[in-house]
Protein backbone atom coordinates (compact mmCIF):
# COMPACT_ATOMS: atom_id res chain seq x y z
CA MET A 1 -14.31 29.69 -1.67
CA PRO A 2 -12.41 26.47 -0.89
CA ASP A 3 -14.35 23.26 -0.40
CA PRO A 4 -14.35 22.52 3.36
CA HIS A 5 -14.39 18.79 2.64
CA ARG A 6 -11.15 18.80 0.65
CA HIS A 7 -7.88 18.72 2.49
CA THR A 8 -4.26 18.76 1.45
CA SER A 9 -3.94 15.03 2.22
CA HIS A 10 -6.74 13.99 -0.15
CA PRO A 11 -4.54 13.67 -3.26
CA GLU A 12 -2.24 11.34 -1.32
CA VAL A 13 -5.21 9.33 -0.03
CA VAL A 14 -6.53 9.01 -3.59
CA LYS A 15 -3.08 7.95 -4.83
CA ARG A 16 -2.88 5.25 -2.15
CA LEU A 17 -6.40 3.99 -2.90
CA LYS A 18 -5.73 3.83 -6.64
CA ARG A 19 -2.55 1.88 -5.97
CA ALA A 20 -4.51 -0.49 -3.70
CA ALA A 21 -7.19 -0.89 -6.39
CA GLY A 22 -4.54 -1.87 -8.93
CA HIS A 23 -2.99 -4.26 -6.45
CA LEU A 24 -6.41 -5.79 -5.74
CA GLN A 25 -6.92 -6.35 -9.46
CA GLY A 26 -3.58 -8.18 -9.44
CA VAL A 27 -4.85 -10.41 -6.64
CA VAL A 28 -7.96 -11.25 -8.67
CA GLU A 29 -5.69 -12.19 -11.57
CA MET A 30 -3.58 -14.35 -9.24
CA ILE A 31 -6.69 -16.25 -8.15
CA GLU A 32 -7.85 -16.68 -11.74
CA ALA A 33 -4.39 -17.95 -12.70
CA GLY A 34 -4.46 -20.54 -9.92
CA ARG A 35 -1.54 -19.11 -7.94
CA PRO A 36 -0.75 -20.63 -4.52
CA CYS A 37 -3.07 -19.58 -1.69
CA LEU A 38 -0.14 -18.41 0.46
CA ASP A 39 0.93 -15.96 -2.24
CA ILE A 40 -2.65 -14.72 -2.62
CA ALA A 41 -3.12 -14.32 1.13
CA GLN A 42 0.10 -12.31 1.39
CA GLN A 43 -1.02 -9.98 -1.37
CA LEU A 44 -4.50 -9.60 0.14
CA HIS A 45 -2.84 -8.65 3.41
CA ALA A 46 -0.88 -5.96 1.58
CA VAL A 47 -4.10 -4.60 0.00
CA GLU A 48 -5.80 -4.50 3.41
CA ALA A 49 -2.85 -2.66 4.91
CA ALA A 50 -2.82 -0.11 2.09
CA ILE A 51 -6.52 0.62 2.52
CA ALA A 52 -6.18 0.82 6.31
CA ASN A 53 -3.30 3.28 5.95
CA ALA A 54 -5.32 5.45 3.56
CA LYS A 55 -8.24 5.40 6.01
CA ARG A 56 -5.95 6.33 8.90
CA MET A 57 -4.50 9.22 6.92
CA LEU A 58 -7.99 10.49 6.13
CA ILE A 59 -9.11 10.25 9.77
CA HIS A 60 -5.96 11.93 11.08
CA ASP A 61 -6.36 14.72 8.55
CA HIS A 62 -9.95 15.16 9.66
CA LEU A 63 -8.86 15.40 13.28
CA ASP A 64 -6.12 17.89 12.44
CA HIS A 65 -8.31 20.19 10.37
CA CYS A 66 -12.02 19.68 10.94
CA LEU A 67 -11.72 19.30 14.69
CA ASP A 68 -9.61 22.44 14.85
CA ASP A 69 -12.30 24.26 12.87
CA ALA A 70 -14.97 23.07 15.32
CA VAL A 71 -13.18 23.74 18.61
CA GLY A 72 -10.54 26.24 17.56
CA ALA A 73 -6.83 25.78 17.13
CA VAL A 74 -5.21 23.93 20.00
CA PRO A 75 -1.67 24.94 20.99
CA HIS A 76 0.95 22.26 20.38
CA ALA A 77 1.57 21.81 24.12
CA GLN A 78 -2.12 20.98 24.67
CA ARG A 79 -2.58 18.56 21.75
CA GLY A 80 -1.82 15.48 23.89
CA PRO A 81 -5.41 14.16 23.99
CA ILE A 82 -5.85 14.70 20.24
CA GLU A 83 -2.57 12.93 19.48
CA ALA A 84 -3.54 10.05 21.81
CA PHE A 85 -6.87 9.77 20.02
CA LYS A 86 -5.09 9.61 16.67
CA VAL A 87 -2.89 6.78 17.95
CA ILE A 88 -5.82 4.79 19.33
CA THR A 89 -7.70 5.02 16.01
CA LYS A 90 -5.35 2.38 14.61
CA TYR A 91 -7.30 -0.15 16.65
CA LEU A 92 -10.62 0.67 14.99
């Protein structure tokens, strides 16, 4: 029986988070090496964006699969509210 909490996007989410973790370690090394604050801030921004994108992917996957399981499959023509909700989640 498949695990209901594992989705096809999870390997990609993990890959993105591991990449962000490596990038974050690089930022720590930049700070320890005394690199310019502007460079560090730019790299921290990139780490934040990577994590936010992984979170968005996870949430969208949840909406696509778990919500469908709870309320039933929604025909493509009627997915407007779900798609709008997915778009608005970027502001969370």
